[in-house]
Protein backbone atom coordinates (compact mmCIF):
# COMPACT_ATOMS: atom_id res chain seq x y z
CA MET A 1 43.02 13.84 58.12
CA VAL A 2 40.79 15.38 55.46
CA GLN A 3 41.66 18.80 54.10
CA LYS A 4 39.23 20.93 52.01
CA ILE A 5 40.22 23.66 49.67
CA TRP A 6 37.84 25.77 47.94
CA LEU A 7 39.25 26.53 44.44
CA GLY A 8 36.49 28.97 43.46
CA THR A 9 32.89 29.50 44.18
CA ALA A 10 31.62 26.04 43.04
CA LEU A 11 34.73 23.63 43.04
CA VAL A 12 36.26 21.98 45.99
CA LEU A 13 39.53 19.96 46.26
CA VAL A 14 39.35 17.35 49.11
CA ILE A 15 42.76 15.81 50.12
CA LEU A 16 42.59 12.37 51.79
CA THR A 17 45.61 10.39 53.15
CA THR A 18 46.33 8.29 49.96
CA SER A 19 44.02 9.99 47.38
CA PHE A 20 42.08 13.09 46.57
CA TYR A 21 38.98 14.17 44.84
CA LEU A 22 37.34 17.17 43.35
CA LEU A 23 33.76 18.08 44.08
CA MET A 24 31.12 20.26 42.73
CA PRO A 25 28.63 19.84 45.79
CA GLU A 26 25.34 18.04 44.89
CA LYS A 27 26.58 17.74 41.24
CA VAL A 28 29.79 15.67 40.40
CA ARG A 29 32.71 14.17 42.28
CA ILE A 30 35.82 12.81 40.72
CA ASP A 31 38.18 10.63 42.78
CA PHE A 32 41.82 10.12 41.94
CA THR A 33 43.51 7.01 43.07
CA LYS A 34 46.83 5.56 41.77
CA THR A 35 45.16 2.94 39.35
CA ARG A 36 41.82 4.67 38.31
CA THR A 37 39.65 7.75 38.26
CA ILE A 38 36.08 7.34 39.56
CA PHE A 39 33.32 9.55 38.33
CA LYS A 40 30.17 10.02 40.54
CA VAL A 41 26.96 11.98 40.15
CA TYR A 42 24.51 13.16 42.62
CA GLU A 43 21.18 11.30 42.67
CA GLU A 44 18.50 11.27 45.30
CA GLY A 45 20.61 12.86 47.96
CA LYS A 46 23.93 10.95 47.45
CA PHE A 47 26.83 10.37 45.08
CA VAL A 48 26.66 7.23 42.86
CA THR A 49 29.26 5.84 40.40
CA SER A 50 28.64 6.73 36.83
CA GLY A 51 31.96 5.42 35.35
CA ILE A 52 35.40 4.29 36.27
CA GLU A 53 38.24 5.23 34.10
CA TYR A 54 41.31 3.04 33.37
CA VAL A 55 44.19 3.81 31.29
CA ARG A 56 45.96 0.66 29.99
CA ILE A 57 48.81 -0.31 27.73
CA PHE A 58 49.22 -3.61 25.82
CA ASP A 59 52.34 -5.08 24.35
CA GLY A 60 50.60 -7.08 21.55
CA THR A 61 47.90 -8.99 23.43
CA ARG A 62 49.61 -8.78 26.84
CA LEU A 63 48.45 -6.27 29.29
CA MET A 64 51.50 -4.41 30.83
CA ARG A 65 51.82 -3.94 34.59
CA ALA A 66 53.13 -0.71 36.02
CA LYS A 67 56.23 -0.95 38.38
CA ASN A 68 55.17 2.38 40.17
CA ARG A 69 52.24 4.92 40.11
CA THR A 70 51.89 8.26 41.62
CA ILE A 71 49.14 11.03 41.90
CA ASP A 72 49.50 14.61 42.40
CA TYR A 73 47.75 17.94 42.00
CA THR A 74 48.83 21.52 41.33
CA ILE A 75 46.71 24.60 42.15
CA LEU A 76 47.27 27.74 40.02
CA ASP A 77 45.39 31.11 40.11
CA SER A 78 42.96 30.17 37.30
CA LYS A 79 43.06 26.37 37.19
CA THR A 80 43.97 23.18 38.97
CA MET A 81 45.79 20.20 37.38
CA ALA A 82 45.46 16.73 38.61
CA GLY A 83 47.66 13.91 37.32
CA ARG A 84 48.83 10.41 37.61
CA ILE A 85 52.19 8.98 36.32
CA SER A 86 52.73 5.27 35.80
CA SER A 87 56.05 3.80 35.18
CA PHE A 88 56.64 0.53 33.16
CA LYS A 89 59.66 -1.45 32.02
CA ASP A 90 61.66 -0.21 29.22
CA ARG A 91 61.42 3.38 30.52
CA ILE A 92 57.76 3.44 29.26
CA ILE A 93 55.68 6.27 31.16
CA ILE A 94 52.17 7.28 31.05
CA GLU A 95 50.95 10.63 32.17
CA ASP A 96 47.30 11.39 32.90
CA SER A 97 46.59 15.09 33.03
CA TYR A 98 43.27 16.51 33.94
CA ASP A 99 42.60 20.26 33.91
CA PHE A 100 39.92 22.00 36.03
CA ASP A 101 38.76 25.56 35.84
CA ASN A 102 38.76 27.06 39.33
CA GLU A 103 35.96 29.35 38.60
CA VAL A 104 33.79 26.76 36.82
CA ILE A 105 30.00 27.16 37.03
CA ASN A 106 28.52 24.46 34.77
CA VAL A 107 29.11 20.86 35.66
CA GLU A 108 29.65 19.93 32.03
CA ASN A 109 33.09 21.71 32.28
CA VAL A 110 34.38 19.34 34.98
CA PRO A 111 37.10 18.54 33.87
CA ILE A 112 37.69 21.00 30.93
CA SER A 113 40.23 18.53 29.46
CA HIS A 114 41.89 15.08 30.06
CA LYS A 115 45.17 14.26 28.12
CA VAL A 116 46.85 10.86 28.24
CA CYS A 117 50.52 11.09 27.13
CA PHE A 118 52.91 8.10 26.41
CA THR A 119 56.77 8.18 26.42
CA ASN A 120 58.82 5.45 24.97
CA SER A 121 55.72 3.56 23.90
CA LYS A 122 56.03 3.35 20.02
CA GLY A 123 54.42 0.19 18.82
CA LYS A 124 52.35 -0.47 21.90
CA ILE A 125 48.44 -0.20 22.23
CA PHE A 126 46.72 2.30 24.28
CA GLU A 127 43.26 1.20 25.72
CA TYR A 128 41.03 3.67 27.35
CA MET A 129 38.38 1.77 29.34
CA ILE A 130 35.31 3.04 31.30
CA ASP A 131 33.92 0.43 33.61
CA ARG A 132 30.75 0.41 35.73
CA ILE A 133 28.62 2.44 33.17
CA GLU A 134 24.92 2.21 32.99
CA TYR A 135 23.84 1.25 29.34
CA ASP A 136 20.74 -0.45 28.14
CA GLY A 137 21.57 -0.68 24.30
CA GLU A 138 23.27 -3.32 22.16
CA THR A 139 26.95 -3.88 21.99
CA LYS A 140 28.14 -1.81 19.17
CA ASP A 141 30.82 0.43 17.62
CA ILE A 142 30.61 4.06 18.74
CA THR A 143 32.02 7.47 17.59
CA SER A 144 32.68 10.65 19.48
CA PRO A 145 30.73 12.08 21.29
CA PHE A 146 28.94 9.22 22.86
CA SER A 147 26.33 9.57 25.57
CA PHE A 148 25.16 6.84 28.07
CA GLY A 149 23.43 6.34 31.38
CA LYS A 150 23.35 8.76 34.43
CA ASN A 151 23.66 11.55 31.87
CA MET A 152 27.24 10.80 31.14
CA LYS A 153 29.01 11.89 27.87
CA LEU A 154 32.39 10.87 26.48
CA THR A 155 34.38 12.57 23.76
CA PHE A 156 37.68 11.12 22.27
CA GLN A 157 39.86 12.09 19.40
CA ASP A 158 40.00 10.54 16.00
CA GLY A 159 42.80 8.01 15.03
CA TYR A 160 41.29 5.06 17.13
CA TYR A 161 41.03 1.60 15.47
CA ARG A 162 38.36 0.25 17.81
CA ALA A 163 35.81 2.09 19.84
CA LYS A 164 32.94 0.01 21.29
CA VAL A 165 30.44 -0.09 24.06
CA TYR A 166 29.72 -3.46 25.58
CA ASN A 167 26.51 -4.66 27.20
CA TYR A 168 27.16 -7.67 29.30
CA LYS A 169 24.57 -10.06 30.64
CA TYR A 170 26.52 -11.23 33.78
CA ALA A 171 29.18 -8.43 34.15
CA THR A 172 29.24 -4.60 34.36
CA ASP A 173 28.91 -2.74 31.07
CA LYS A 174 31.91 -1.05 29.58
CA ILE A 175 33.44 1.23 26.90
CA LYS A 176 36.73 0.39 25.33
CA ILE A 177 38.72 2.61 22.84
CA ARG A 178 41.89 1.44 21.38
CA TYR A 179 44.84 3.42 19.65
CA ARG A 180 48.09 2.50 18.19
CA VAL A 181 50.97 4.44 19.73
CA THR A 182 53.04 5.49 16.61
CA ASP A 183 55.57 7.95 18.03
CA ASP A 184 58.07 7.84 20.93
CA TYR A 185 56.02 10.53 22.55
CA GLN A 186 52.31 10.80 21.82
CA CYS A 187 49.31 12.27 23.52
CA PHE A 188 45.56 11.46 23.16
CA ASP A 189 42.51 13.58 24.07
CA VAL A 190 39.64 11.95 25.95
CA ARG A 191 37.23 13.44 28.27
CA LEU A 192 34.30 11.93 30.36
CA PHE A 193 31.87 14.37 31.96
CA ASP A 194 28.33 14.96 33.08
CA PRO A 195 26.72 17.42 30.61
CA GLU A 196 24.28 20.02 31.69
CA THR A 197 20.85 19.74 29.99
CA GLU A 198 21.41 21.45 26.67
CA GLU A 199 20.62 25.06 26.88
CA LYS A 200 17.71 26.23 24.80
CA LEU A 201 18.20 29.61 23.55
CA THR A 202 14.98 31.54 23.73
CA GLU A 203 16.27 34.51 21.81
CA ILE A 204 19.04 35.81 19.63
CA THR A 205 19.02 39.56 19.31
CA TYR A 206 20.78 41.64 16.57
CA LYS A 207 22.14 45.00 17.55
CA ASP A 208 24.80 47.72 16.34
CA ASN A 209 23.13 47.72 12.93
CA ASN A 210 23.12 43.88 12.69
CA MET A 211 26.75 43.48 13.32
CA THR A 212 26.49 42.06 16.81
CA ILE A 213 24.44 39.15 17.90
CA GLU A 214 23.44 38.65 21.70
CA PHE A 215 22.71 35.03 22.86
CA LYS A 216 20.06 34.79 25.59
CA VAL A 217 18.75 32.03 27.91
CA ASN A 218 15.72 32.86 29.81
CA ASP A 219 16.14 36.58 28.95
CA THR A 220 19.64 36.60 30.35
CA ILE A 221 22.58 37.45 28.08
CA ILE A 222 25.25 34.66 28.03
CA GLY A 223 27.57 36.14 25.57
CA GLN A 224 27.79 37.81 22.10
CA ALA A 225 29.43 37.50 18.67
CA THR A 226 30.49 40.38 16.63
CA LEU A 227 31.07 40.15 12.72
CA LYS A 228 34.60 41.34 12.17
CA SER A 229 35.27 40.19 8.49
CA HIS A 230 32.89 42.80 7.02
CA LYS A 231 32.66 46.64 7.55
CA THR A 232 28.86 46.51 7.44
CA TYR A 233 26.22 43.68 7.74
CA ASP A 234 25.29 44.00 4.12
CA GLU A 235 28.71 44.41 2.65
CA VAL A 236 29.72 41.75 0.05
CA GLY A 237 33.30 40.63 1.10
CA ARG A 238 35.72 40.17 -1.75
CA VAL A 239 38.02 37.29 -0.95
CA THR A 240 40.88 36.27 -3.22
CA ILE A 241 40.30 32.76 -4.72
CA GLY A 242 42.27 29.76 -3.54
CA LYS A 243 42.48 26.90 -1.22
CA ASN A 244 41.80 27.28 2.58
CA ARG A 245 40.59 30.87 2.33
CA THR A 246 39.23 32.49 5.59
CA VAL A 247 35.98 33.83 4.22
CA ILE A 248 34.20 35.20 7.45
CA TRP A 249 35.04 35.61 11.10
CA TYR A 250 33.38 36.65 14.42
CA GLU A 251 34.68 37.95 17.69
CA PHE A 252 33.08 35.95 20.59
CA THR A 253 33.08 37.95 23.84
CA ASP A 254 31.49 38.04 27.35
CA PHE A 255 30.87 34.35 27.71
CA LYS A 256 31.12 33.63 31.45
CA ASP A 257 31.88 29.94 30.99
CA VAL A 258 32.83 27.44 28.18
CA LYS A 259 29.89 26.54 25.89
CA ILE A 260 30.37 23.02 24.92
CA ASP A 261 29.58 22.03 21.40
CA ALA A 262 28.20 25.56 20.63
CA LEU A 263 29.45 25.67 17.15
CA LYS A 264 26.96 23.56 15.34
CA GLY A 265 28.29 23.91 11.81
CA VAL A 266 28.41 26.08 8.74
CA GLU A 267 25.78 26.44 5.91
CA PHE A 268 26.67 27.88 2.51
CA ILE A 269 23.93 29.46 0.36
CA ASP A 270 24.54 29.91 -3.42
CA MET A 271 23.83 33.48 -4.13
CA ARG A 272 24.38 33.62 -7.82
CA LYS A 273 21.35 34.34 -9.89
CA GLU A 274 22.83 33.38 -13.18
CA ILE A 275 25.92 31.17 -14.24
CA PHE A 276 27.94 30.81 -17.21
CA ASN A 277 27.22 27.30 -18.45
CA TYR A 278 29.88 26.53 -21.03
CA SER A 279 32.30 23.48 -20.84
CA GLY A 280 33.46 23.53 -24.40
CA LYS A 281 37.14 23.93 -25.51
CA GLU A 282 36.33 26.23 -28.35
CA ILE A 283 37.02 30.00 -27.73
CA LEU A 284 33.59 31.75 -28.10
CA ASN A 285 32.98 34.78 -30.17
CA GLU A 286 31.57 37.84 -28.41
CA SER A 287 28.16 37.22 -29.92
CA GLU A 288 28.00 33.63 -28.66
CA ILE A 289 28.64 34.42 -24.75
CA ASP A 290 25.07 35.46 -23.88
CA LYS A 291 23.39 32.14 -24.96
CA TYR A 292 25.49 30.33 -22.24
CA ILE A 293 24.48 32.64 -19.38
CA VAL A 294 21.57 30.68 -17.68
CA PRO A 295 19.59 30.84 -14.56
CA ASN A 296 21.40 29.22 -11.66
CA PRO A 297 19.29 26.13 -10.41
CA ASN A 298 20.96 26.34 -7.06
CA TYR A 299 20.13 30.07 -6.45
CA LEU A 300 19.41 30.63 -2.70
CA LEU A 301 19.86 26.91 -2.04
CA SER A 302 22.21 25.29 0.43
CA ILE A 303 25.34 23.83 -1.31
CA GLU A 304 27.98 21.36 0.02
CA LYS A 305 31.38 22.70 0.79
CA ASN A 306 34.23 21.28 2.95
CA TYR A 307 35.24 23.82 5.49
CA SER A 308 37.17 24.09 8.85
CA PHE A 309 37.16 26.34 11.93
CA VAL A 310 40.19 28.60 12.58
CA TYR A 311 40.98 31.12 15.18
CA LEU A 312 43.17 34.20 15.11
CA ASN A 313 46.41 33.77 17.04
CA ASN A 314 49.19 36.38 16.85
CA LYS A 315 47.61 37.76 13.48
CA GLU A 316 47.66 34.24 11.98
CA TRP A 317 44.80 31.78 11.36
CA VAL A 318 45.24 28.52 13.31
CA ASN A 319 43.16 25.38 13.02
CA TYR A 320 40.52 25.53 15.75
CA ILE A 321 39.93 21.82 16.76
CA SER A 322 36.98 22.35 18.96
CA PHE A 323 33.24 23.04 18.66
CA ASP A 324 33.26 25.02 22.00
CA ILE A 325 33.14 28.74 22.66
CA PRO A 326 35.74 29.38 25.36
CA LYS A 327 35.01 32.00 27.97
CA GLU A 328 38.11 33.96 26.88
CA ASN A 329 37.38 36.34 24.04
CA ILE A 330 38.38 34.67 20.80
CA ILE A 331 38.04 35.35 17.01
CA ILE A 332 36.89 32.25 15.20
CA GLY A 333 36.68 32.01 11.31
CA VAL A 334 35.63 29.71 8.70
CA GLN A 335 38.01 28.51 5.99
CA THR A 336 36.93 26.87 2.73
CA ASP A 337 38.26 26.65 -0.87
CA LEU A 338 36.90 29.49 -2.96
CA PHE A 339 36.69 29.65 -6.76
CA TRP A 340 36.42 32.60 -9.19
CA GLY A 341 33.06 34.02 -9.27
CA GLU A 342 31.72 31.95 -6.33
CA PHE A 343 29.09 34.05 -4.52
CA ILE A 344 28.02 32.62 -1.23
CA ASP A 345 26.20 33.45 1.94
CA VAL A 346 28.21 31.94 4.95
CA ARG A 347 25.93 31.13 7.89
CA PHE A 348 27.40 30.16 11.19
CA ASN A 349 25.13 27.88 13.21
CA ILE A 350 25.55 28.58 16.89
CA PHE A 351 23.31 27.03 19.50
CA GLU A 352 21.16 25.81 16.56
CA ASN A 353 20.65 29.30 15.56
CA LYS A 354 21.65 30.33 11.95
CA LEU A 355 23.24 33.75 11.71
CA ASP A 356 21.55 34.60 8.46
CA ARG A 357 21.72 38.43 8.31
CA HIS A 358 25.15 38.82 7.00
CA ALA A 359 28.57 37.46 5.85
CA VAL A 360 28.11 37.31 2.11
CA VAL A 361 31.43 36.79 0.15
CA VAL A 362 32.41 36.57 -3.50
CA GLY A 363 35.61 34.90 -4.76
CA VAL A 364 37.65 37.24 -6.64
CA SER A 365 40.77 36.93 -8.88
CA ALA A 366 39.89 40.09 -10.86
CA GLY A 367 39.45 43.80 -10.19
CA PHE A 368 40.55 45.63 -7.00
CA VAL A 369 41.90 43.01 -4.37
CA GLU A 370 43.75 43.28 -1.08
CA GLU A 371 45.85 40.17 -1.89
CA ALA A 372 47.18 39.15 -5.24
CA PRO A 373 45.67 35.75 -6.40
CA GLN A 374 47.96 32.66 -6.76
CA ASP A 375 45.77 30.07 -7.99
CA ASP A 376 44.56 29.36 -11.65
CA PRO A 377 41.16 31.45 -11.92
CA GLY A 378 39.81 28.57 -13.95
CA GLY A 379 37.65 30.70 -16.23
CA SER A 380 36.85 30.54 -19.92
CA ASP A 381 39.68 31.39 -22.47
CA THR A 382 39.93 34.34 -24.80
CA PHE A 383 42.67 35.63 -27.03
CA PHE A 384 45.06 38.24 -25.70
CA SER A 385 47.74 38.83 -28.30
CA GLY A 386 48.56 42.18 -29.76
CA ASP A 387 45.60 43.89 -27.91
CA ALA A 388 44.93 46.30 -25.16
CA LEU A 389 42.02 45.31 -22.84
CA GLY A 390 40.48 47.29 -20.07
CA PHE A 391 38.44 45.90 -17.26
CA LYS A 392 35.99 48.06 -15.23
CA ASP A 393 35.74 47.85 -11.44
CA THR A 394 35.07 50.20 -8.48
CA SER A 395 37.68 50.96 -5.91
CA PRO A 396 37.01 49.81 -2.30
CA ALA A 397 35.76 52.37 0.35
CA THR A 398 39.21 52.69 1.84
CA ALA A 399 41.47 52.39 -1.18
CA GLY A 400 44.11 55.07 -1.56
CA LYS A 401 46.65 53.68 -4.13
CA VAL A 402 47.41 50.71 -6.46
CA ILE A 403 50.82 48.82 -5.72
CA GLU A 404 50.55 45.94 -8.04
CA ILE A 405 48.73 45.02 -11.32
CA GLY A 406 48.72 41.46 -12.86
CA TRP A 407 46.92 39.45 -15.38
CA TRP A 408 46.52 35.74 -16.11
CA ALA A 409 48.27 33.96 -19.04
CA GLU A 410 46.54 30.69 -19.73
CA ASN A 411 49.20 29.11 -21.87
CA PRO A 412 52.98 29.12 -22.42
CA THR A 413 54.08 31.34 -25.28
CA GLU A 414 56.96 33.00 -26.67
CA GLU A 415 58.58 35.90 -24.72
CA SER A 416 56.90 39.36 -25.10
CA ASN A 417 56.36 42.70 -23.35
CA PHE A 418 53.29 43.93 -21.72
CA GLU A 419 52.14 47.32 -20.18
CA VAL A 420 49.73 48.06 -17.33
CA ALA A 421 47.95 51.14 -16.09
CA ILE A 422 44.93 52.41 -14.19
CA TYR A 423 42.50 54.41 -16.24
CA ASP A 424 39.73 56.75 -14.99
CA HIS A 425 36.12 56.39 -16.17
CA ASP A 426 34.44 58.06 -19.12
CA SER A 427 30.92 57.94 -17.56
CA GLY A 428 29.30 59.16 -20.77
CA SER A 429 30.57 56.45 -23.03
CA ASP A 430 31.19 53.79 -20.29
CA ILE A 431 34.82 53.19 -21.39
CA PRO A 432 38.29 53.93 -19.99
CA LYS A 433 39.38 57.70 -20.37
CA ASN A 434 42.81 58.87 -19.27
CA ILE A 435 45.80 57.10 -17.50
CA VAL A 436 45.93 57.80 -13.79
CA GLY A 437 49.50 58.65 -12.92
CA SER A 438 51.70 56.82 -15.22
CA LYS A 439 51.77 53.50 -16.93
CA SER A 440 54.38 50.76 -16.46
CA ALA A 441 55.63 50.27 -20.09
CA THR A 442 58.34 47.58 -20.05
CA ASN A 443 57.55 44.28 -18.35
CA ALA A 444 58.71 40.83 -19.67
CA LYS A 445 55.94 38.27 -19.75
CA GLY A 446 58.26 35.26 -19.68
CA THR A 447 57.37 32.09 -21.61
CA ASP A 448 55.43 30.12 -18.99
CA ALA A 449 51.80 30.15 -18.13
CA GLY A 450 50.56 31.83 -14.78
CA TRP A 451 50.00 35.22 -13.29
CA LYS A 452 52.05 38.07 -14.83
CA ARG A 453 52.65 40.75 -12.16
CA VAL A 454 54.10 44.29 -12.13
CA THR A 455 54.83 45.25 -8.48
CA GLY A 456 56.26 48.30 -6.79
CA LEU A 457 53.61 50.62 -8.30
CA ASP A 458 52.44 53.73 -6.50
CA ILE A 459 49.27 54.96 -8.38
CA THR A 460 47.15 57.33 -6.30
CA ILE A 461 43.43 56.56 -6.59
CA SER A 462 40.27 57.67 -4.89
CA SER A 463 37.99 55.43 -2.89
CA SER A 464 34.64 54.12 -4.04
CA THR A 465 35.37 55.36 -7.65
CA VAL A 466 35.00 53.62 -11.08
CA TYR A 467 38.37 52.77 -12.69
CA TRP A 468 39.53 50.62 -15.56
CA ILE A 469 42.50 48.18 -15.06
CA GLY A 470 44.30 48.42 -18.49
CA VAL A 471 46.80 45.83 -19.94
CA GLN A 472 48.50 45.83 -23.32
CA HIS A 473 50.16 42.60 -24.46
CA ASP A 474 52.39 42.35 -27.63
CA SER A 475 51.73 39.68 -30.34
CA THR A 476 53.17 36.29 -29.95
CA ALA A 477 53.73 33.66 -32.62
CA THR A 478 51.65 31.33 -30.65
CA ALA A 479 48.36 32.98 -29.62
CA THR A 480 48.40 33.88 -25.92
CA LEU A 481 45.14 33.33 -24.05
CA THR A 482 43.78 34.85 -20.90
CA ASN A 483 40.80 34.05 -18.76
CA TYR A 484 37.37 35.63 -18.13
CA ASN A 485 34.01 35.11 -16.53
CA ALA A 486 30.60 36.33 -17.84
CA GLY A 487 29.34 39.65 -16.44
CA GLY A 488 31.11 42.95 -15.84
CA ARG A 489 32.45 45.15 -18.58
CA MET A 490 35.50 45.02 -20.80
CA SER A 491 36.66 47.55 -23.54
CA PHE A 492 39.23 46.39 -26.23
CA ASP A 493 41.67 48.22 -28.41
CA THR A 494 42.54 45.73 -31.08
CA SER A 495 46.02 45.70 -32.86
CA SER A 496 47.48 47.87 -30.25
CA THR A 497 51.19 48.17 -29.58
CA THR A 498 50.90 50.32 -26.41
CA LEU A 499 48.55 51.69 -23.96
CA VAL A 500 47.44 55.07 -25.35
CA ASP A 501 46.36 58.03 -23.30
CA PRO A 502 43.33 58.77 -23.81
CA TRP A 503 42.02 55.26 -24.32
CA VAL A 504 40.78 54.33 -27.86
CA SER A 505 37.97 51.86 -27.72
CA ASP A 506 37.06 49.42 -30.64
CA GLY A 507 34.21 47.99 -28.64
CA THR A 508 32.97 46.69 -25.35
CA VAL A 509 31.52 43.28 -24.10
CA ALA A 510 30.28 41.95 -20.82
CA ARG A 511 33.26 40.27 -19.42
CA ILE A 512 35.06 39.92 -16.10
CA LEU A 513 38.84 39.72 -17.24
CA ALA A 514 41.44 37.92 -14.99
CA PHE A 515 43.04 41.31 -14.51
CA TYR A 516 43.73 42.49 -10.91
CA ALA A 517 45.09 45.62 -9.06
CA VAL A 518 46.22 45.20 -5.41
CA TRP A 519 45.37 48.20 -3.44
CA GLU A 520 46.29 49.86 -0.17
CA VAL A 521 44.70 52.26 2.30
CA ALA A 522 45.41 55.90 1.58
CA GLY A 523 48.11 57.37 3.73
CA PRO A 524 47.50 60.31 6.09
CA GLU A 525 46.55 63.65 4.46
CA ASP A 526 49.08 66.53 4.63
CA THR A 527 48.59 68.58 7.79
CA CYS A 528 51.09 71.25 6.71
CA SER A 529 52.60 72.72 3.54
CA CYS A 530 55.87 74.16 2.37
CA PRO A 531 55.92 77.94 2.99
CA ASP A 532 55.88 80.20 -0.14
CA SER A 533 58.89 82.27 1.17
CA GLY A 534 61.26 82.43 4.04
CA ASP A 535 62.33 79.96 6.66
CA TRP A 536 60.38 76.94 7.51
CA ILE A 537 59.99 76.69 11.37
CA MET A 538 58.33 73.45 12.26
CA THR A 539 56.74 73.71 15.78
CA ASP A 540 53.63 71.47 15.57
CA ASN A 541 52.86 67.90 14.44
CA CYS A 542 53.23 67.82 10.66
CA ASN A 543 52.68 65.21 8.07
CA ILE A 544 53.81 66.19 4.57
CA THR A 545 53.95 64.13 1.41
CA THR A 546 54.62 66.83 -1.21
CA ASP A 547 58.07 67.72 -2.09
CA CYS A 548 59.25 71.20 -1.00
CA ASP A 549 61.72 73.74 -2.48
CA LEU A 550 62.92 76.03 0.19
CA GLN A 551 64.49 78.43 -2.37
CA GLY A 552 67.66 78.76 -0.25
CA ASN A 553 65.94 79.28 3.08
CA ASP A 554 66.63 77.52 6.39
CA PHE A 555 64.79 74.59 7.95
CA TYR A 556 64.14 74.49 11.64
CA CYS A 557 62.57 71.58 13.50
CA GLU A 558 61.79 72.77 17.15
CA LYS A 559 59.38 69.91 18.07
CA ASN A 560 60.23 68.06 21.22
CA ASP A 561 59.10 64.83 19.48
CA ASP A 562 59.79 62.38 16.52
CA VAL A 563 58.83 63.75 13.05
CA SER A 564 58.25 61.49 10.04
CA MET A 565 58.39 62.99 6.52
CA ASN A 566 57.32 61.30 3.29
CA ALA A 567 58.60 64.17 1.17
CA VAL A 568 61.93 65.68 -0.11
CA ILE A 569 63.02 69.13 1.10
CA SER A 570 65.29 70.61 -1.64
CA ASN A 571 67.24 73.78 -2.30
CA PHE A 572 67.47 74.52 1.51
CA GLY A 573 70.18 76.72 3.34
CA ASN A 574 70.77 75.30 6.74
CA ILE A 575 69.22 72.73 8.85
CA PHE A 576 68.44 73.28 12.60
CA SER A 577 66.90 70.31 14.10
CA TYR A 578 66.05 69.77 17.77
CA CYS A 579 64.06 66.63 17.03
CA ASP A 580 64.49 63.17 15.54
CA ILE A 581 63.44 63.14 11.97
CA PHE A 582 62.59 59.80 10.38
CA CYS A 583 62.64 59.83 6.53
CA ILE A 584 60.21 57.63 4.85
CA LYS A 585 61.59 58.41 1.37
CA THR A 586 64.91 57.09 0.63
CA PRO A 587 67.77 57.79 0.70
CA SER A 588 67.05 61.13 2.49
CA CYS A 589 64.38 63.65 3.32
CA PHE A 590 66.77 66.40 2.12
CA GLY A 591 68.21 66.46 -1.45
């Protein structure tokens, strides 16, 4: 008896007495038996064999024989799983697992995956063999992906010690791939499928002020990608230097089916017009710096960089070991090592289309940063002992306060104190002016090299505003060094024992100092204020950050809701509260 089950609009499960097969009518058929999987493609009105899969295990040179084999399938809402379990001596088990998308449209996604898992097989050899293939070339080693006759394609994971296609004169042609099983439980990914003729994109269209790219085939939109790492298409992203930094990311949406091998790669374009070309060990005088600033020979040229694809999973970047775009919405990014001052245009290549209108980033370990640098900035050395130095930078568009300031000590020296502060800008003289808020005056440098940090700061700043990051460092018997890059603007106050207010400048030079300030987004503005007199009766939503003196009057909270307060209410009479008050300031909102 034959039973047919339509799994979706284009995929059918056909159940026979001792086997079953999955079918896309007039496209592909995959038969599952206890010993093999048979792939067939539709040609000239009938299905013809395009490859027969065998999963084999060897103990040395001896082929092992299974004691028992079973096949089965499981139908879920969105997918169907087909499998084969083979049992051998010594409790060795091989599980063949195929996944099928019930709503599949493209034949190249049948199946969407094939995983072969081994239990208790450590030390054995796994051979994946495809027999009865059509192949006209020479016997040779192959790599993944590999295409052969009847429009078939094979992908297989790395780690094999042999992968070869064989052209026999008097036998059927074959592919054999061998892996050594190194763990008690180990899985391998292999997939044989019939790819669609590669889609040729006739058009990519930029929209939403160049932030979103639509992909079209024959004027039909097949999906889109939106730049999420940048706020505007022409923004220069500032990414803290280090290894495996995620520099750009796109959100891929509205793809109706999986797009196989759609991510073709990433190109990096060097955007630096000039470079600081100095490799000497001597510390340069201010007057010597300019002669080492030279035109960049790689400006606007492609440069080689190692990279990897990642995707966002529960707010963490995870390796994306695929070149496909799934039909589920996904955020895919690019990770690469980034050094200080590196200025690159990062161009995704999708469907052989380079997305070249945006995604420019600069590697930073100086100025305003969202994340404190951890790595050696790798800049040139300059003396920083008994001086106060200020470095000019513009706060980001959403910055509201500074919570940490740090600087780089290049060499180990004696213990000493340093001070940090944010200065506003004297636009007339282009130097620091007055301290914003207050300075942090007592901070032990320690005796080792590395980043010196002051955390727990709460310095209110304005967005998109020029400021100076000021650091003063006491003298050490061994001259302390810090790092810099060419460019920017630095003001110095020599022989300084403290950060003075207002700033006193002994001169300026074009330097980007390895000084940073970690910023945070501004909190909500006050929506209410402390009354000038009388009781305070709170009846509406209220956010207040300014401390309040009630002058002996009473406080009433009559809201039927929660209230959060980031202020201290003092000198109050009685408190009558009919709401839950959450105090952001500690230990209490009332003091």
